[in-house]
Amino acid sequence: MKVLYLGEETLRQPSKPVEHIDEALHELIREMFITMDEDNGIGLAAPQIGKNVRLFIVKIDDGIERVFINPLIVGTSEKQCSYEEGCLSIPKMFADVVRPEAVTVQYQDMNGRRRTIEATGLLARVIQHEYDHLEGVLFIDRLSEKERDSLVAKFTQQQERKKQREAKKRARV
């Protein structure tokens, strides 16, 4: 399973609800956790792997694997905080993003049961970041235009250098 990078249209499309929670979805979730772990991530949304459905996973430093199916943010704190964020779809690029400090989310678990979670700290931040993916929003969209343009330019240069290195490797083979 491959993570899509900035520039892929799928990352900018609002996601559709998950209609069936079945073995195929469970397998997708298992594969998502493997992909996220391989890429050293703490969250991954289905659109990042080309699946346009309302699903994301989270595993922060407490090691708990959390699955959010058809999530809906129903409340946020007034208090906001800034914290450095990165994204598997924009590798090696980081920026401070301001978000609510706490969030309340309703979602379905892997058995289809409706759940509600009130999250704070890192968990709240990752939930909001991944939820944004379901809306077609990337963390860079929450930056100033100047910051966003700078980060996108750096990412584009990084990707060009990567393509050049790969082309040189292929030429030697």
N, C-alpha and C. Protein backbone atom coordinates (compact mmCIF):
# COMPACT_ATOMS: atom_id res chain seq x y z
N MET A 1 0.85 -1.17 0.00
CA MET A 1 0.00 0.00 0.00
C MET A 1 0.90 1.24 0.00
N LYS A 2 0.59 2.17 -0.87
CA LYS A 2 1.44 3.35 -1.05
C LYS A 2 0.69 4.61 -0.61
N VAL A 3 1.40 5.47 0.11
CA VAL A 3 0.84 6.75 0.52
C VAL A 3 0.95 7.74 -0.64
N LEU A 4 -0.15 8.42 -0.94
CA LEU A 4 -0.16 9.43 -2.00
C LEU A 4 0.47 10.72 -1.50
N TYR A 5 1.12 11.43 -2.41
CA TYR A 5 1.79 12.69 -2.06
C TYR A 5 1.02 13.90 -2.56
N LEU A 6 1.36 15.03 -1.98
CA LEU A 6 0.81 16.32 -2.38
C LEU A 6 0.82 16.42 -3.91
N GLY A 7 -0.31 16.84 -4.46
CA GLY A 7 -0.45 16.93 -5.91
C GLY A 7 -1.45 15.91 -6.44
N GLU A 8 -1.66 14.84 -5.68
CA GLU A 8 -2.65 13.82 -6.08
C GLU A 8 -4.05 14.36 -5.82
N GLU A 9 -4.89 14.31 -6.83
CA GLU A 9 -6.25 14.87 -6.76
C GLU A 9 -7.08 14.26 -5.62
N THR A 10 -6.90 12.98 -5.36
CA THR A 10 -7.66 12.29 -4.32
C THR A 10 -7.53 12.98 -2.97
N LEU A 11 -6.38 13.57 -2.71
CA LEU A 11 -6.15 14.23 -1.42
C LEU A 11 -7.01 15.47 -1.24
N ARG A 12 -7.55 16.00 -2.33
CA ARG A 12 -8.32 17.25 -2.28
C ARG A 12 -9.82 17.04 -2.41
N GLN A 13 -10.25 15.79 -2.42
CA GLN A 13 -11.68 15.51 -2.58
C GLN A 13 -12.31 15.14 -1.24
N PRO A 14 -13.50 15.69 -0.95
CA PRO A 14 -14.21 15.25 0.25
C PRO A 14 -14.55 13.76 0.14
N SER A 15 -14.46 13.07 1.26
CA SER A 15 -14.68 11.62 1.27
C SER A 15 -16.15 11.27 1.45
N LYS A 16 -16.48 10.07 1.00
CA LYS A 16 -17.85 9.55 1.11
C LYS A 16 -17.95 8.65 2.34
N PRO A 17 -19.14 8.55 2.93
CA PRO A 17 -19.30 7.68 4.10
C PRO A 17 -18.98 6.22 3.77
N VAL A 18 -18.46 5.53 4.78
CA VAL A 18 -18.29 4.08 4.69
C VAL A 18 -19.69 3.49 4.82
N GLU A 19 -20.07 2.65 3.87
CA GLU A 19 -21.43 2.09 3.88
C GLU A 19 -21.49 0.71 4.52
N HIS A 20 -20.41 -0.07 4.40
CA HIS A 20 -20.42 -1.43 4.94
C HIS A 20 -19.16 -1.66 5.77
N ILE A 21 -19.38 -2.05 7.00
CA ILE A 21 -18.26 -2.44 7.85
C ILE A 21 -18.20 -3.96 7.80
N ASP A 22 -17.25 -4.45 7.00
CA ASP A 22 -17.16 -5.88 6.74
C ASP A 22 -15.69 -6.32 6.75
N GLU A 23 -15.46 -7.55 6.38
CA GLU A 23 -14.09 -8.09 6.40
C GLU A 23 -13.18 -7.33 5.45
N ALA A 24 -13.69 -6.88 4.31
CA ALA A 24 -12.87 -6.11 3.37
C ALA A 24 -12.40 -4.81 4.02
N LEU A 25 -13.27 -4.16 4.77
CA LEU A 25 -12.89 -2.93 5.47
C LEU A 25 -11.88 -3.24 6.57
N HIS A 26 -12.10 -4.32 7.30
CA HIS A 26 -11.16 -4.73 8.35
C HIS A 26 -9.77 -4.98 7.76
N GLU A 27 -9.72 -5.61 6.59
CA GLU A 27 -8.43 -5.87 5.93
C GLU A 27 -7.78 -4.56 5.50
N LEU A 28 -8.56 -3.63 4.97
CA LEU A 28 -8.03 -2.31 4.62
C LEU A 28 -7.44 -1.63 5.84
N ILE A 29 -8.13 -1.70 6.96
CA ILE A 29 -7.65 -1.08 8.20
C ILE A 29 -6.33 -1.72 8.64
N ARG A 30 -6.26 -3.05 8.58
CA ARG A 30 -5.00 -3.74 8.94
C ARG A 30 -3.85 -3.26 8.05
N GLU A 31 -4.11 -3.17 6.75
CA GLU A 31 -3.08 -2.72 5.81
C GLU A 31 -2.69 -1.27 6.08
N MET A 32 -3.67 -0.46 6.46
CA MET A 32 -3.37 0.94 6.78
C MET A 32 -2.43 1.04 7.98
N PHE A 33 -2.67 0.24 9.02
CA PHE A 33 -1.78 0.27 10.18
C PHE A 33 -0.37 -0.17 9.80
N ILE A 34 -0.25 -1.17 8.96
CA ILE A 34 1.08 -1.61 8.50
C ILE A 34 1.77 -0.48 7.75
N THR A 35 1.06 0.14 6.82
CA THR A 35 1.63 1.24 6.03
C THR A 35 2.04 2.39 6.93
N MET A 36 1.16 2.77 7.86
CA MET A 36 1.46 3.88 8.76
C MET A 36 2.71 3.57 9.60
N ASP A 37 2.79 2.35 10.13
CA ASP A 37 3.95 1.97 10.93
C ASP A 37 5.23 1.98 10.10
N GLU A 38 5.17 1.46 8.87
CA GLU A 38 6.35 1.44 8.00
C GLU A 38 6.85 2.85 7.70
N ASP A 39 5.93 3.81 7.62
CA ASP A 39 6.29 5.19 7.31
C ASP A 39 6.49 6.04 8.57
N ASN A 40 6.48 5.38 9.74
CA ASN A 40 6.68 6.06 11.03
C ASN A 40 5.67 7.16 11.28
N GLY A 41 4.42 6.91 10.90
CA GLY A 41 3.36 7.88 11.12
C GLY A 41 2.61 7.61 12.42
N ILE A 42 1.78 8.58 12.80
CA ILE A 42 0.92 8.41 13.98
C ILE A 42 -0.56 8.53 13.60
N GLY A 43 -0.82 8.79 12.33
CA GLY A 43 -2.18 8.85 11.82
C GLY A 43 -2.16 8.65 10.32
N LEU A 44 -3.25 8.08 9.80
CA LEU A 44 -3.36 7.87 8.35
C LEU A 44 -4.84 7.85 7.99
N ALA A 45 -5.20 8.63 7.00
CA ALA A 45 -6.58 8.68 6.52
C ALA A 45 -6.70 7.93 5.20
N ALA A 46 -7.86 7.34 4.98
CA ALA A 46 -8.08 6.55 3.76
C ALA A 46 -7.76 7.31 2.47
N PRO A 47 -8.10 8.61 2.36
CA PRO A 47 -7.74 9.31 1.12
C PRO A 47 -6.24 9.32 0.83
N GLN A 48 -5.42 9.21 1.86
CA GLN A 48 -3.97 9.21 1.66
C GLN A 48 -3.47 7.95 0.95
N ILE A 49 -4.29 6.93 0.93
CA ILE A 49 -3.92 5.70 0.21
C ILE A 49 -4.85 5.48 -0.98
N GLY A 50 -5.53 6.55 -1.39
CA GLY A 50 -6.36 6.49 -2.59
C GLY A 50 -7.76 5.97 -2.39
N LYS A 51 -8.20 5.83 -1.15
CA LYS A 51 -9.56 5.35 -0.85
C LYS A 51 -10.39 6.54 -0.39
N ASN A 52 -11.41 6.88 -1.16
CA ASN A 52 -12.20 8.08 -0.89
C ASN A 52 -13.36 7.79 0.07
N VAL A 53 -13.02 7.28 1.27
CA VAL A 53 -14.03 6.99 2.28
C VAL A 53 -13.66 7.64 3.61
N ARG A 54 -14.68 7.85 4.45
CA ARG A 54 -14.51 8.54 5.73
C ARG A 54 -13.99 7.56 6.79
N LEU A 55 -12.69 7.38 6.77
CA LEU A 55 -12.01 6.44 7.66
C LEU A 55 -10.62 6.96 7.94
N PHE A 56 -10.23 6.96 9.22
CA PHE A 56 -8.83 7.20 9.54
C PHE A 56 -8.44 6.39 10.76
N ILE A 57 -7.13 6.21 10.89
CA ILE A 57 -6.57 5.46 12.01
C ILE A 57 -5.56 6.35 12.73
N VAL A 58 -5.36 6.04 14.02
CA VAL A 58 -4.43 6.80 14.85
C VAL A 58 -3.70 5.83 15.77
N LYS A 59 -2.40 6.01 15.91
CA LYS A 59 -1.63 5.30 16.94
C LYS A 59 -0.54 6.24 17.42
N ILE A 60 -0.81 6.88 18.56
CA ILE A 60 0.18 7.81 19.11
C ILE A 60 1.07 7.05 20.08
N ASP A 61 1.83 7.78 20.90
CA ASP A 61 2.84 7.14 21.74
C ASP A 61 2.29 6.21 22.82
N ASP A 62 0.97 6.19 23.06
CA ASP A 62 0.42 5.23 24.02
C ASP A 62 0.28 3.84 23.41
N GLY A 63 0.50 3.72 22.09
CA GLY A 63 0.48 2.44 21.41
C GLY A 63 -0.89 1.87 21.10
N ILE A 64 -1.95 2.58 21.48
CA ILE A 64 -3.31 2.09 21.23
C ILE A 64 -3.69 2.35 19.77
N GLU A 65 -4.14 1.30 19.09
CA GLU A 65 -4.60 1.45 17.70
C GLU A 65 -6.05 1.89 17.72
N ARG A 66 -6.29 3.10 17.23
CA ARG A 66 -7.64 3.67 17.21
C ARG A 66 -8.14 3.75 15.77
N VAL A 67 -9.40 3.38 15.57
CA VAL A 67 -10.02 3.39 14.25
C VAL A 67 -11.26 4.28 14.32
N PHE A 68 -11.36 5.22 13.37
CA PHE A 68 -12.49 6.14 13.31
C PHE A 68 -13.18 5.97 11.96
N ILE A 69 -14.38 5.40 11.99
CA ILE A 69 -15.17 5.20 10.78
C ILE A 69 -16.32 6.20 10.79
N ASN A 70 -16.50 6.90 9.68
CA ASN A 70 -17.55 7.93 9.56
C ASN A 70 -17.53 8.92 10.73
N PRO A 71 -16.36 9.48 11.04
CA PRO A 71 -16.28 10.39 12.18
C PRO A 71 -16.96 11.73 11.89
N LEU A 72 -17.38 12.37 12.98
CA LEU A 72 -17.96 13.70 12.91
C LEU A 72 -17.48 14.48 14.13
N ILE A 73 -16.80 15.59 13.91
CA ILE A 73 -16.39 16.44 15.02
C ILE A 73 -17.62 17.21 15.47
N VAL A 74 -18.02 17.00 16.73
CA VAL A 74 -19.24 17.63 17.25
C VAL A 74 -18.94 18.75 18.23
N GLY A 75 -17.68 18.91 18.60
CA GLY A 75 -17.32 19.99 19.51
C GLY A 75 -15.83 20.21 19.55
N THR A 76 -15.45 21.46 19.76
CA THR A 76 -14.04 21.81 19.94
C THR A 76 -13.93 22.83 21.07
N SER A 77 -12.78 22.86 21.69
CA SER A 77 -12.55 23.83 22.76
C SER A 77 -12.33 25.21 22.17
N GLU A 78 -12.63 26.22 22.98
CA GLU A 78 -12.32 27.59 22.55
C GLU A 78 -10.82 27.82 22.58
N LYS A 79 -10.17 27.20 23.57
CA LYS A 79 -8.72 27.37 23.70
C LYS A 79 -8.02 26.67 22.54
N GLN A 80 -7.08 27.39 21.94
CA GLN A 80 -6.33 26.85 20.81
C GLN A 80 -4.85 26.78 21.19
N CYS A 81 -4.11 25.95 20.48
CA CYS A 81 -2.67 25.88 20.70
C CYS A 81 -1.97 25.60 19.38
N SER A 82 -0.71 25.98 19.35
CA SER A 82 0.12 25.78 18.16
C SER A 82 1.05 24.60 18.42
N TYR A 83 1.24 23.78 17.41
CA TYR A 83 2.09 22.60 17.54
C TYR A 83 2.61 22.23 16.16
N GLU A 84 3.83 21.74 16.11
CA GLU A 84 4.42 21.37 14.83
C GLU A 84 3.75 20.11 14.28
N GLU A 85 3.33 20.19 13.01
CA GLU A 85 2.72 19.05 12.34
C GLU A 85 3.50 18.69 11.09
N GLY A 86 3.41 17.43 10.75
CA GLY A 86 3.92 16.92 9.49
C GLY A 86 2.85 16.02 8.90
N CYS A 87 3.13 15.42 7.77
CA CYS A 87 2.12 14.60 7.11
C CYS A 87 2.81 13.58 6.21
N LEU A 88 2.33 12.35 6.25
CA LEU A 88 2.91 11.31 5.39
C LEU A 88 2.75 11.64 3.91
N SER A 89 1.77 12.48 3.58
CA SER A 89 1.56 12.87 2.18
C SER A 89 2.42 14.05 1.75
N ILE A 90 3.12 14.65 2.71
CA ILE A 90 4.08 15.72 2.42
C ILE A 90 5.32 15.42 3.26
N PRO A 91 6.04 14.34 2.95
CA PRO A 91 7.12 13.87 3.81
C PRO A 91 8.23 14.89 4.04
N LYS A 92 8.73 14.86 5.27
CA LYS A 92 9.88 15.67 5.70
C LYS A 92 9.60 17.17 5.71
N MET A 93 8.33 17.56 5.68
CA MET A 93 7.94 18.96 5.74
C MET A 93 7.13 19.17 7.02
N PHE A 94 7.49 20.19 7.79
CA PHE A 94 6.85 20.44 9.07
C PHE A 94 6.56 21.92 9.23
N ALA A 95 5.48 22.22 9.96
CA ALA A 95 5.13 23.61 10.24
C ALA A 95 4.22 23.66 11.46
N ASP A 96 4.26 24.77 12.18
CA ASP A 96 3.38 24.97 13.32
C ASP A 96 1.97 25.28 12.83
N VAL A 97 1.00 24.57 13.39
CA VAL A 97 -0.41 24.73 13.02
C VAL A 97 -1.21 25.01 14.29
N VAL A 98 -2.09 25.99 14.22
CA VAL A 98 -2.97 26.33 15.35
C VAL A 98 -4.27 25.55 15.20
N ARG A 99 -4.64 24.84 16.27
CA ARG A 99 -5.89 24.07 16.29
C ARG A 99 -6.49 24.13 17.70
N PRO A 100 -7.78 23.79 17.83
CA PRO A 100 -8.36 23.68 19.16
C PRO A 100 -7.60 22.65 20.00
N GLU A 101 -7.49 22.94 21.29
CA GLU A 101 -6.75 22.07 22.20
C GLU A 101 -7.49 20.76 22.48
N ALA A 102 -8.82 20.80 22.42
CA ALA A 102 -9.63 19.61 22.70
C ALA A 102 -10.71 19.47 21.63
N VAL A 103 -11.16 18.23 21.46
CA VAL A 103 -12.15 17.94 20.42
C VAL A 103 -13.05 16.79 20.89
N THR A 104 -14.32 16.86 20.51
CA THR A 104 -15.26 15.77 20.75
C THR A 104 -15.67 15.20 19.40
N VAL A 105 -15.54 13.89 19.26
CA VAL A 105 -15.79 13.23 17.98
C VAL A 105 -16.76 12.06 18.17
N GLN A 106 -17.74 11.98 17.29
CA GLN A 106 -18.61 10.81 17.21
C GLN A 106 -18.14 10.00 16.00
N TYR A 107 -18.15 8.68 16.14
CA TYR A 107 -17.66 7.81 15.07
C TYR A 107 -18.19 6.41 15.27
N GLN A 108 -17.93 5.55 14.31
CA GLN A 108 -18.23 4.13 14.45
C GLN A 108 -16.92 3.39 14.65
N ASP A 109 -16.98 2.35 15.48
CA ASP A 109 -15.80 1.51 15.67
C ASP A 109 -15.81 0.38 14.64
N MET A 110 -14.88 -0.55 14.75
CA MET A 110 -14.76 -1.62 13.75
C MET A 110 -15.94 -2.59 13.76
N ASN A 111 -16.75 -2.53 14.83
CA ASN A 111 -17.94 -3.37 14.90
C ASN A 111 -19.20 -2.61 14.51
N GLY A 112 -19.03 -1.36 14.08
CA GLY A 112 -20.17 -0.55 13.66
C GLY A 112 -20.88 0.18 14.79
N ARG A 113 -20.39 0.02 16.02
CA ARG A 113 -21.02 0.70 17.16
C ARG A 113 -20.68 2.18 17.15
N ARG A 114 -21.68 3.01 17.47
CA ARG A 114 -21.47 4.45 17.59
C ARG A 114 -20.71 4.72 18.88
N ARG A 115 -19.70 5.55 18.78
CA ARG A 115 -18.88 5.93 19.93
C ARG A 115 -18.72 7.43 19.95
N THR A 116 -18.38 7.95 21.11
CA THR A 116 -18.02 9.35 21.26
C THR A 116 -16.75 9.41 22.09
N ILE A 117 -15.81 10.24 21.65
CA ILE A 117 -14.56 10.40 22.39
C ILE A 117 -14.30 11.89 22.57
N GLU A 118 -13.84 12.24 23.76
CA GLU A 118 -13.36 13.59 24.03
C GLU A 118 -11.85 13.47 24.14
N ALA A 119 -11.16 14.16 23.27
CA ALA A 119 -9.70 14.02 23.21
C ALA A 119 -9.04 15.37 23.46
N THR A 120 -7.86 15.29 24.08
CA THR A 120 -7.04 16.47 24.31
C THR A 120 -5.62 16.16 23.87
N GLY A 121 -4.78 17.17 23.90
CA GLY A 121 -3.36 16.97 23.62
C GLY A 121 -3.09 16.43 22.23
N LEU A 122 -2.09 15.55 22.15
CA LEU A 122 -1.66 15.01 20.86
C LEU A 122 -2.79 14.25 20.17
N LEU A 123 -3.57 13.49 20.92
CA LEU A 123 -4.66 12.73 20.31
C LEU A 123 -5.66 13.67 19.63
N ALA A 124 -6.01 14.76 20.29
CA ALA A 124 -6.94 15.74 19.69
C ALA A 124 -6.35 16.32 18.41
N ARG A 125 -5.08 16.62 18.44
CA ARG A 125 -4.42 17.21 17.26
C ARG A 125 -4.42 16.22 16.09
N VAL A 126 -4.06 14.97 16.35
CA VAL A 126 -4.00 13.98 15.27
C VAL A 126 -5.40 13.71 14.71
N ILE A 127 -6.39 13.63 15.59
CA ILE A 127 -7.76 13.44 15.12
C ILE A 127 -8.16 14.57 14.17
N GLN A 128 -7.88 15.81 14.55
CA GLN A 128 -8.25 16.95 13.70
C GLN A 128 -7.48 16.93 12.38
N HIS A 129 -6.20 16.59 12.44
CA HIS A 129 -5.37 16.52 11.23
C HIS A 129 -5.94 15.46 10.27
N GLU A 130 -6.23 14.27 10.79
CA GLU A 130 -6.74 13.20 9.94
C GLU A 130 -8.15 13.51 9.46
N TYR A 131 -8.96 14.12 10.31
CA TYR A 131 -10.32 14.51 9.91
C TYR A 131 -10.26 15.48 8.73
N ASP A 132 -9.31 16.40 8.78
CA ASP A 132 -9.13 17.33 7.66
C ASP A 132 -8.95 16.58 6.34
N HIS A 133 -8.18 15.49 6.37
CA HIS A 133 -7.97 14.71 5.14
C HIS A 133 -9.31 14.24 4.55
N LEU A 134 -10.26 13.90 5.41
CA LEU A 134 -11.56 13.44 4.93
C LEU A 134 -12.35 14.55 4.26
N GLU A 135 -11.97 15.78 4.54
CA GLU A 135 -12.62 16.95 3.95
C GLU A 135 -11.84 17.49 2.74
N GLY A 136 -10.73 16.84 2.40
CA GLY A 136 -9.90 17.31 1.29
C GLY A 136 -8.97 18.44 1.68
N VAL A 137 -8.70 18.56 2.97
CA VAL A 137 -7.87 19.64 3.51
C VAL A 137 -6.55 19.05 4.01
N LEU A 138 -5.44 19.73 3.69
CA LEU A 138 -4.12 19.35 4.18
C LEU A 138 -3.65 20.36 5.22
N PHE A 139 -2.71 19.96 6.07
CA PHE A 139 -2.27 20.88 7.12
C PHE A 139 -1.69 22.16 6.55
N ILE A 140 -1.14 22.11 5.34
CA ILE A 140 -0.58 23.32 4.74
C ILE A 140 -1.66 24.35 4.42
N ASP A 141 -2.91 23.90 4.31
CA ASP A 141 -4.02 24.83 4.05
C ASP A 141 -4.32 25.69 5.28
N ARG A 142 -3.79 25.31 6.42
CA ARG A 142 -4.01 26.06 7.66
C ARG A 142 -2.86 27.02 7.95
N LEU A 143 -1.92 27.13 7.02
CA LEU A 143 -0.78 28.04 7.16
C LEU A 143 -1.07 29.35 6.44
N SER A 144 -0.24 30.35 6.73
CA SER A 144 -0.34 31.59 5.95
C SER A 144 0.06 31.27 4.51
N GLU A 145 -0.35 32.13 3.59
CA GLU A 145 -0.03 31.91 2.18
C GLU A 145 1.48 31.84 1.97
N LYS A 146 2.21 32.71 2.65
CA LYS A 146 3.67 32.74 2.52
C LYS A 146 4.29 31.43 3.02
N GLU A 147 3.85 30.97 4.20
CA GLU A 147 4.37 29.72 4.76
C GLU A 147 4.04 28.54 3.84
N ARG A 148 2.79 28.51 3.37
CA ARG A 148 2.35 27.41 2.50
C ARG A 148 3.16 27.38 1.21
N ASP A 149 3.31 28.54 0.58
CA ASP A 149 4.06 28.59 -0.68
C ASP A 149 5.50 28.15 -0.49
N SER A 150 6.10 28.56 0.62
CA SER A 150 7.49 28.18 0.91
C SER A 150 7.60 26.67 1.11
N LEU A 151 6.69 26.11 1.88
CA LEU A 151 6.73 24.67 2.15
C LEU A 151 6.48 23.86 0.88
N VAL A 152 5.53 24.30 0.06
CA VAL A 152 5.24 23.60 -1.19
C VAL A 152 6.44 23.66 -2.13
N ALA A 153 7.11 24.81 -2.18
CA ALA A 153 8.30 24.95 -3.03
C ALA A 153 9.40 24.00 -2.57
N LYS A 154 9.62 23.91 -1.25
CA LYS A 154 10.64 22.99 -0.71
C LYS A 154 10.27 21.55 -1.04
N PHE A 155 9.00 21.21 -0.88
CA PHE A 155 8.56 19.84 -1.16
C PHE A 155 8.76 19.51 -2.64
N THR A 156 8.41 20.45 -3.51
CA THR A 156 8.56 20.24 -4.95
C THR A 156 10.02 20.02 -5.31
N GLN A 157 10.92 20.82 -4.73
CA GLN A 157 12.36 20.64 -4.97
C GLN A 157 12.82 19.28 -4.47
N GLN A 158 12.36 18.89 -3.30
CA GLN A 158 12.72 17.60 -2.73
C GLN A 158 12.28 16.47 -3.65
N GLN A 159 11.07 16.55 -4.17
CA GLN A 159 10.56 15.52 -5.06
C GLN A 159 11.33 15.47 -6.38
N GLU A 160 11.72 16.63 -6.90
CA GLU A 160 12.51 16.69 -8.14
C GLU A 160 13.87 16.03 -7.93
N ARG A 161 14.52 16.33 -6.80
CA ARG A 161 15.81 15.70 -6.50
C ARG A 161 15.65 14.19 -6.38
N LYS A 162 14.58 13.76 -5.76
CA LYS A 162 14.31 12.33 -5.61
C LYS A 162 14.14 11.67 -6.98
N LYS A 163 13.39 12.30 -7.87
CA LYS A 163 13.20 11.76 -9.23
C LYS A 163 14.53 11.68 -9.98
N GLN A 164 15.38 12.70 -9.83
CA GLN A 164 16.68 12.70 -10.49
C GLN A 164 17.55 11.56 -9.98
N ARG A 165 17.56 11.34 -8.66
CA ARG A 165 18.34 10.24 -8.09
C ARG A 165 17.84 8.89 -8.62
N GLU A 166 16.51 8.74 -8.67
CA GLU A 166 15.94 7.48 -9.17
C GLU A 166 16.27 7.27 -10.64
N ALA A 167 16.26 8.34 -11.43
CA ALA A 167 16.60 8.24 -12.86
C ALA A 167 18.06 7.82 -13.02
N LYS A 168 18.95 8.37 -12.19
CA LYS A 168 20.36 8.00 -12.26
C LYS A 168 20.55 6.53 -11.90
N LYS A 169 19.82 6.06 -10.89
CA LYS A 169 19.91 4.65 -10.50
C LYS A 169 19.45 3.75 -11.65
N ARG A 170 18.35 4.11 -12.30
CA ARG A 170 17.84 3.31 -13.42
C ARG A 170 18.83 3.32 -14.58
N ALA A 171 19.49 4.44 -14.80
CA ALA A 171 20.44 4.56 -15.91
C ALA A 171 21.65 3.64 -15.69
N ARG A 172 22.00 3.40 -14.42
CA ARG A 172 23.14 2.55 -14.10
C ARG A 172 22.81 1.07 -14.20
N VAL A 173 21.56 0.74 -14.15
CA VAL A 173 21.15 -0.68 -14.14
C VAL A 173 21.19 -1.29 -15.51
